[in-house]
Amino acid sequence: MPLREIIFDIETTGLFVHEGNKIISFGAVEMVDGQKTGREIYVLCNPGRDSEPGAFAAHRLTQEYLSQFPSFADQAQVVREFIGDSPVIFTCRTSDRNGTPYTLDRAFLDTELAAAGITPIGEEQ
């Protein structure tokens, strides 16, 4: 059976979801047996807040610009359907303050999916 995987990256208003930061962009590509299929998704999201200075310096997306797009919650079902039950490869990994491996992108994605009433990927993988 072919192996379908999703590789994704997000941009956020800041580093930590527990500080109220939000996803502002979500991009993902589908891979089957290690090859890109050409199927991909990219959404911009209105976070309803300004980005922290460090995050803004990285992505340069203003709240004024992002205000024209729907929130992540309004697009969450489309994102979740794209992922399906496939394994997800996270491109951003770090460690928390205790040195425990931590995936910022996964924390953001799972938190925002749950807030939208959609099953987070962490509960299936």
N, C-alpha and C. Protein backbone atom coordinates (compact mmCIF):
# COMPACT_ATOMS: atom_id res chain seq x y z
N MET A 1 0.84 -1.18 0.00
CA MET A 1 0.00 0.00 0.00
C MET A 1 0.89 1.25 0.00
N PRO A 2 0.58 2.24 -0.81
CA PRO A 2 1.39 3.47 -0.88
C PRO A 2 1.36 4.22 0.46
N LEU A 3 2.48 4.85 0.78
CA LEU A 3 2.58 5.63 2.01
C LEU A 3 2.33 7.09 1.70
N ARG A 4 1.24 7.63 2.23
CA ARG A 4 0.90 9.05 2.07
C ARG A 4 1.35 9.78 3.32
N GLU A 5 2.10 10.87 3.12
CA GLU A 5 2.56 11.71 4.22
C GLU A 5 2.28 13.16 3.89
N ILE A 6 2.11 13.96 4.93
CA ILE A 6 1.89 15.39 4.77
C ILE A 6 3.05 16.13 5.43
N ILE A 7 3.66 17.02 4.68
CA ILE A 7 4.73 17.87 5.22
C ILE A 7 4.16 19.28 5.26
N PHE A 8 4.21 19.89 6.45
CA PHE A 8 3.63 21.22 6.54
C PHE A 8 4.50 22.18 7.34
N ASP A 9 4.18 23.45 7.15
CA ASP A 9 4.83 24.51 7.89
C ASP A 9 3.79 25.59 8.16
N ILE A 10 3.93 26.26 9.28
CA ILE A 10 3.03 27.35 9.61
C ILE A 10 3.84 28.59 9.97
N GLU A 11 3.17 29.72 9.91
CA GLU A 11 3.68 30.97 10.47
C GLU A 11 2.66 31.38 11.53
N THR A 12 3.15 32.03 12.57
CA THR A 12 2.30 32.40 13.69
C THR A 12 2.57 33.83 14.13
N THR A 13 1.72 34.32 15.03
CA THR A 13 1.90 35.67 15.56
C THR A 13 2.98 35.74 16.62
N GLY A 14 3.47 34.60 17.08
CA GLY A 14 4.50 34.54 18.11
C GLY A 14 4.89 33.10 18.37
N LEU A 15 5.79 32.89 19.30
CA LEU A 15 6.35 31.55 19.51
C LEU A 15 5.47 30.58 20.30
N PHE A 16 4.66 31.07 21.22
CA PHE A 16 3.99 30.15 22.13
C PHE A 16 2.47 30.26 22.06
N VAL A 17 1.83 29.14 21.80
CA VAL A 17 0.38 29.10 21.71
C VAL A 17 -0.26 29.41 23.06
N HIS A 18 0.37 29.02 24.17
CA HIS A 18 -0.21 29.28 25.49
C HIS A 18 -0.17 30.76 25.86
N GLU A 19 0.48 31.58 25.06
CA GLU A 19 0.49 33.03 25.27
C GLU A 19 -0.54 33.72 24.38
N GLY A 20 -1.41 32.94 23.76
CA GLY A 20 -2.47 33.51 22.93
C GLY A 20 -2.10 33.76 21.48
N ASN A 21 -0.94 33.28 21.06
CA ASN A 21 -0.54 33.47 19.67
C ASN A 21 -1.36 32.56 18.76
N LYS A 22 -1.46 32.95 17.51
CA LYS A 22 -2.33 32.27 16.54
C LYS A 22 -1.60 31.95 15.25
N ILE A 23 -2.13 31.00 14.52
CA ILE A 23 -1.63 30.66 13.18
C ILE A 23 -2.06 31.77 12.22
N ILE A 24 -1.11 32.22 11.38
CA ILE A 24 -1.46 33.19 10.34
C ILE A 24 -1.33 32.59 8.94
N SER A 25 -0.56 31.51 8.81
CA SER A 25 -0.52 30.81 7.52
C SER A 25 -0.23 29.34 7.75
N PHE A 26 -0.81 28.52 6.89
CA PHE A 26 -0.63 27.08 6.93
C PHE A 26 -0.39 26.63 5.50
N GLY A 27 0.72 25.95 5.29
CA GLY A 27 1.02 25.40 3.97
C GLY A 27 1.44 23.95 4.11
N ALA A 28 0.96 23.10 3.21
CA ALA A 28 1.31 21.68 3.28
C ALA A 28 1.36 21.08 1.88
N VAL A 29 2.21 20.06 1.75
CA VAL A 29 2.30 19.30 0.51
C VAL A 29 2.07 17.83 0.82
N GLU A 30 1.49 17.15 -0.14
CA GLU A 30 1.25 15.71 -0.03
C GLU A 30 2.39 14.96 -0.71
N MET A 31 2.88 13.94 0.00
CA MET A 31 3.91 13.06 -0.54
C MET A 31 3.34 11.64 -0.54
N VAL A 32 3.59 10.90 -1.58
CA VAL A 32 3.23 9.49 -1.63
C VAL A 32 4.49 8.72 -2.01
N ASP A 33 4.87 7.81 -1.13
CA ASP A 33 6.11 7.03 -1.31
C ASP A 33 7.32 7.93 -1.55
N GLY A 34 7.36 9.04 -0.79
CA GLY A 34 8.51 9.93 -0.85
C GLY A 34 8.53 10.89 -2.02
N GLN A 35 7.48 10.92 -2.82
CA GLN A 35 7.43 11.80 -3.99
C GLN A 35 6.28 12.79 -3.87
N LYS A 36 6.56 14.07 -4.21
CA LYS A 36 5.49 15.06 -4.22
C LYS A 36 4.45 14.68 -5.27
N THR A 37 3.18 14.81 -4.89
CA THR A 37 2.10 14.46 -5.82
C THR A 37 1.60 15.67 -6.60
N GLY A 38 1.95 16.87 -6.14
CA GLY A 38 1.41 18.08 -6.74
C GLY A 38 0.19 18.59 -5.99
N ARG A 39 -0.31 17.80 -5.06
CA ARG A 39 -1.45 18.22 -4.25
C ARG A 39 -0.91 19.00 -3.05
N GLU A 40 -1.43 20.20 -2.87
CA GLU A 40 -0.96 21.04 -1.77
C GLU A 40 -2.07 21.98 -1.33
N ILE A 41 -1.84 22.60 -0.17
CA ILE A 41 -2.80 23.55 0.38
C ILE A 41 -2.02 24.71 0.98
N TYR A 42 -2.56 25.90 0.86
CA TYR A 42 -1.97 27.07 1.49
C TYR A 42 -3.11 27.99 1.89
N VAL A 43 -3.16 28.35 3.15
CA VAL A 43 -4.19 29.28 3.61
C VAL A 43 -3.56 30.38 4.44
N LEU A 44 -4.06 31.58 4.27
CA LEU A 44 -3.71 32.71 5.12
C LEU A 44 -4.88 32.92 6.07
N CYS A 45 -4.57 33.33 7.30
CA CYS A 45 -5.58 33.41 8.34
C CYS A 45 -5.53 34.75 9.07
N ASN A 46 -6.70 35.26 9.39
CA ASN A 46 -6.79 36.45 10.21
C ASN A 46 -6.69 36.02 11.67
N PRO A 47 -5.60 36.38 12.35
CA PRO A 47 -5.44 35.95 13.74
C PRO A 47 -6.20 36.84 14.72
N GLY A 48 -6.69 37.98 14.27
CA GLY A 48 -7.41 38.87 15.15
C GLY A 48 -6.52 39.58 16.15
N ARG A 49 -5.24 39.61 15.87
CA ARG A 49 -4.28 40.27 16.76
C ARG A 49 -3.00 40.58 15.98
N ASP A 50 -2.21 41.48 16.52
CA ASP A 50 -0.91 41.79 15.92
C ASP A 50 0.09 40.69 16.23
N SER A 51 1.09 40.60 15.42
CA SER A 51 2.19 39.67 15.66
C SER A 51 3.19 40.29 16.62
N GLU A 52 3.88 39.43 17.37
CA GLU A 52 4.97 39.89 18.21
C GLU A 52 6.10 40.36 17.28
N PRO A 53 6.94 41.30 17.74
CA PRO A 53 7.99 41.86 16.88
C PRO A 53 8.90 40.81 16.22
N GLY A 54 9.31 39.79 16.95
CA GLY A 54 10.19 38.77 16.38
C GLY A 54 9.51 37.96 15.29
N ALA A 55 8.25 37.63 15.51
CA ALA A 55 7.50 36.88 14.50
C ALA A 55 7.28 37.74 13.26
N PHE A 56 6.91 39.00 13.48
CA PHE A 56 6.69 39.89 12.35
C PHE A 56 7.96 40.06 11.52
N ALA A 57 9.10 40.14 12.19
CA ALA A 57 10.38 40.27 11.48
C ALA A 57 10.63 39.06 10.58
N ALA A 58 10.12 37.90 10.97
CA ALA A 58 10.32 36.68 10.17
C ALA A 58 9.35 36.59 8.99
N HIS A 59 8.07 36.91 9.21
CA HIS A 59 7.09 36.69 8.13
C HIS A 59 6.61 37.96 7.45
N ARG A 60 6.72 39.11 8.07
CA ARG A 60 6.38 40.42 7.50
C ARG A 60 4.92 40.54 7.07
N LEU A 61 4.02 39.77 7.68
CA LEU A 61 2.60 39.84 7.36
C LEU A 61 1.90 40.69 8.42
N THR A 62 1.36 41.82 8.00
CA THR A 62 0.72 42.73 8.95
C THR A 62 -0.70 42.28 9.27
N GLN A 63 -1.20 42.70 10.43
CA GLN A 63 -2.59 42.41 10.78
C GLN A 63 -3.53 43.10 9.80
N GLU A 64 -3.16 44.27 9.33
CA GLU A 64 -3.99 44.97 8.35
C GLU A 64 -4.17 44.10 7.10
N TYR A 65 -3.10 43.51 6.61
CA TYR A 65 -3.18 42.63 5.44
C TYR A 65 -3.97 41.36 5.76
N LEU A 66 -3.67 40.74 6.89
CA LEU A 66 -4.31 39.46 7.25
C LEU A 66 -5.79 39.61 7.57
N SER A 67 -6.24 40.82 7.89
CA SER A 67 -7.64 41.01 8.28
C SER A 67 -8.62 40.71 7.15
N GLN A 68 -8.15 40.62 5.93
CA GLN A 68 -9.04 40.31 4.80
C GLN A 68 -9.33 38.81 4.66
N PHE A 69 -8.63 37.98 5.41
CA PHE A 69 -8.79 36.53 5.30
C PHE A 69 -9.63 35.98 6.44
N PRO A 70 -10.25 34.80 6.23
CA PRO A 70 -10.99 34.17 7.33
C PRO A 70 -10.03 33.71 8.43
N SER A 71 -10.55 33.51 9.61
CA SER A 71 -9.74 32.99 10.71
C SER A 71 -9.34 31.54 10.42
N PHE A 72 -8.37 31.04 11.19
CA PHE A 72 -8.01 29.63 11.04
C PHE A 72 -9.21 28.76 11.35
N ALA A 73 -9.99 29.10 12.37
CA ALA A 73 -11.16 28.30 12.75
C ALA A 73 -12.12 28.15 11.57
N ASP A 74 -12.27 29.21 10.77
CA ASP A 74 -13.16 29.16 9.61
C ASP A 74 -12.61 28.29 8.48
N GLN A 75 -11.32 27.99 8.52
CA GLN A 75 -10.69 27.18 7.47
C GLN A 75 -10.20 25.83 8.00
N ALA A 76 -10.41 25.59 9.27
CA ALA A 76 -9.85 24.40 9.94
C ALA A 76 -10.34 23.09 9.34
N GLN A 77 -11.59 23.02 8.95
CA GLN A 77 -12.11 21.77 8.40
C GLN A 77 -11.42 21.41 7.08
N VAL A 78 -11.16 22.39 6.25
CA VAL A 78 -10.46 22.16 4.98
C VAL A 78 -9.04 21.66 5.25
N VAL A 79 -8.37 22.28 6.22
CA VAL A 79 -7.02 21.87 6.60
C VAL A 79 -7.04 20.43 7.10
N ARG A 80 -8.00 20.13 7.99
CA ARG A 80 -8.06 18.78 8.58
C ARG A 80 -8.37 17.72 7.54
N GLU A 81 -9.24 18.04 6.60
CA GLU A 81 -9.56 17.10 5.53
C GLU A 81 -8.35 16.84 4.64
N PHE A 82 -7.55 17.87 4.39
CA PHE A 82 -6.35 17.68 3.59
C PHE A 82 -5.40 16.71 4.28
N ILE A 83 -5.22 16.88 5.59
CA ILE A 83 -4.33 16.00 6.35
C ILE A 83 -4.89 14.59 6.42
N GLY A 84 -6.18 14.47 6.67
CA GLY A 84 -6.80 13.15 6.80
C GLY A 84 -6.17 12.38 7.95
N ASP A 85 -5.94 11.08 7.72
CA ASP A 85 -5.32 10.27 8.76
C ASP A 85 -3.87 9.93 8.42
N SER A 86 -3.29 10.70 7.52
CA SER A 86 -1.91 10.47 7.10
C SER A 86 -0.91 10.94 8.14
N PRO A 87 0.25 10.30 8.20
CA PRO A 87 1.31 10.81 9.07
C PRO A 87 1.71 12.22 8.66
N VAL A 88 2.05 13.03 9.65
CA VAL A 88 2.44 14.41 9.41
C VAL A 88 3.91 14.57 9.77
N ILE A 89 4.65 15.22 8.89
CA ILE A 89 6.06 15.51 9.13
C ILE A 89 6.16 16.99 9.47
N PHE A 90 6.68 17.25 10.67
CA PHE A 90 6.79 18.62 11.15
C PHE A 90 8.16 19.18 10.78
N THR A 91 8.17 20.41 10.27
CA THR A 91 9.42 21.01 9.83
C THR A 91 10.07 21.86 10.91
N CYS A 92 9.35 22.16 11.97
CA CYS A 92 9.87 23.03 13.03
C CYS A 92 9.91 22.27 14.35
N ARG A 93 11.11 22.01 14.84
CA ARG A 93 11.27 21.32 16.12
C ARG A 93 12.20 22.13 17.01
N THR A 94 11.90 22.09 18.30
CA THR A 94 12.71 22.80 19.28
C THR A 94 12.62 22.05 20.60
N SER A 95 13.04 22.66 21.68
CA SER A 95 12.91 22.07 23.01
C SER A 95 12.22 23.08 23.92
N ASP A 96 11.45 22.56 24.88
CA ASP A 96 10.84 23.48 25.83
C ASP A 96 11.88 23.93 26.86
N ARG A 97 11.44 24.68 27.84
CA ARG A 97 12.38 25.24 28.83
C ARG A 97 13.08 24.16 29.66
N ASN A 98 12.52 22.95 29.68
CA ASN A 98 13.12 21.84 30.43
C ASN A 98 13.99 20.95 29.55
N GLY A 99 14.13 21.30 28.28
CA GLY A 99 14.93 20.50 27.37
C GLY A 99 14.18 19.36 26.72
N THR A 100 12.87 19.26 26.97
CA THR A 100 12.05 18.21 26.38
C THR A 100 11.76 18.58 24.92
N PRO A 101 11.95 17.63 23.98
CA PRO A 101 11.63 17.93 22.58
C PRO A 101 10.18 18.42 22.46
N TYR A 102 10.00 19.43 21.66
CA TYR A 102 8.71 20.10 21.55
C TYR A 102 8.55 20.55 20.10
N THR A 103 7.39 20.37 19.55
CA THR A 103 7.12 20.78 18.19
C THR A 103 6.13 21.93 18.21
N LEU A 104 6.63 23.13 17.97
CA LEU A 104 5.78 24.31 17.99
C LEU A 104 4.63 24.20 17.01
N ASP A 105 4.91 23.75 15.80
CA ASP A 105 3.87 23.67 14.79
C ASP A 105 2.76 22.72 15.22
N ARG A 106 3.12 21.59 15.81
CA ARG A 106 2.10 20.64 16.25
C ARG A 106 1.25 21.24 17.37
N ALA A 107 1.88 21.92 18.32
CA ALA A 107 1.14 22.55 19.41
C ALA A 107 0.14 23.56 18.85
N PHE A 108 0.57 24.39 17.93
CA PHE A 108 -0.33 25.36 17.33
C PHE A 108 -1.46 24.69 16.56
N LEU A 109 -1.11 23.74 15.71
CA LEU A 109 -2.13 23.09 14.89
C LEU A 109 -3.16 22.36 15.76
N ASP A 110 -2.69 21.57 16.71
CA ASP A 110 -3.62 20.84 17.57
C ASP A 110 -4.50 21.77 18.39
N THR A 111 -3.92 22.85 18.91
CA THR A 111 -4.69 23.81 19.71
C THR A 111 -5.75 24.49 18.87
N GLU A 112 -5.37 24.93 17.69
CA GLU A 112 -6.33 25.65 16.85
C GLU A 112 -7.40 24.72 16.27
N LEU A 113 -7.04 23.48 15.94
CA LEU A 113 -8.07 22.53 15.50
C LEU A 113 -9.06 22.26 16.62
N ALA A 114 -8.56 22.00 17.83
CA ALA A 114 -9.44 21.73 18.97
C ALA A 114 -10.36 22.92 19.25
N ALA A 115 -9.82 24.14 19.17
CA ALA A 115 -10.63 25.34 19.40
C ALA A 115 -11.74 25.47 18.37
N ALA A 116 -11.52 24.92 17.18
CA ALA A 116 -12.54 24.96 16.12
C ALA A 116 -13.50 23.78 16.22
N GLY A 117 -13.32 22.93 17.24
CA GLY A 117 -14.20 21.79 17.43
C GLY A 117 -13.86 20.61 16.52
N ILE A 118 -12.61 20.55 16.06
CA ILE A 118 -12.17 19.51 15.12
C ILE A 118 -11.10 18.66 15.81
N THR A 119 -11.12 17.37 15.55
CA THR A 119 -10.16 16.45 16.17
C THR A 119 -8.73 16.85 15.83
N PRO A 120 -7.91 17.12 16.86
CA PRO A 120 -6.49 17.43 16.60
C PRO A 120 -5.76 16.22 16.05
N ILE A 121 -4.68 16.46 15.32
CA ILE A 121 -3.93 15.35 14.75
C ILE A 121 -3.21 14.55 15.83
N GLY A 122 -2.86 15.21 16.94
CA GLY A 122 -2.17 14.53 18.02
C GLY A 122 -2.97 13.38 18.61
N GLU A 123 -4.29 13.42 18.47
CA GLU A 123 -5.14 12.37 19.01
C GLU A 123 -5.21 11.15 18.11
N GLU A 124 -4.70 11.27 16.90
CA GLU A 124 -4.78 10.16 15.96
C GLU A 124 -3.42 9.57 15.64
N GLN A 125 -2.33 10.26 15.97
CA GLN A 125 -1.01 9.77 15.57
C GLN A 125 -0.17 9.42 16.76
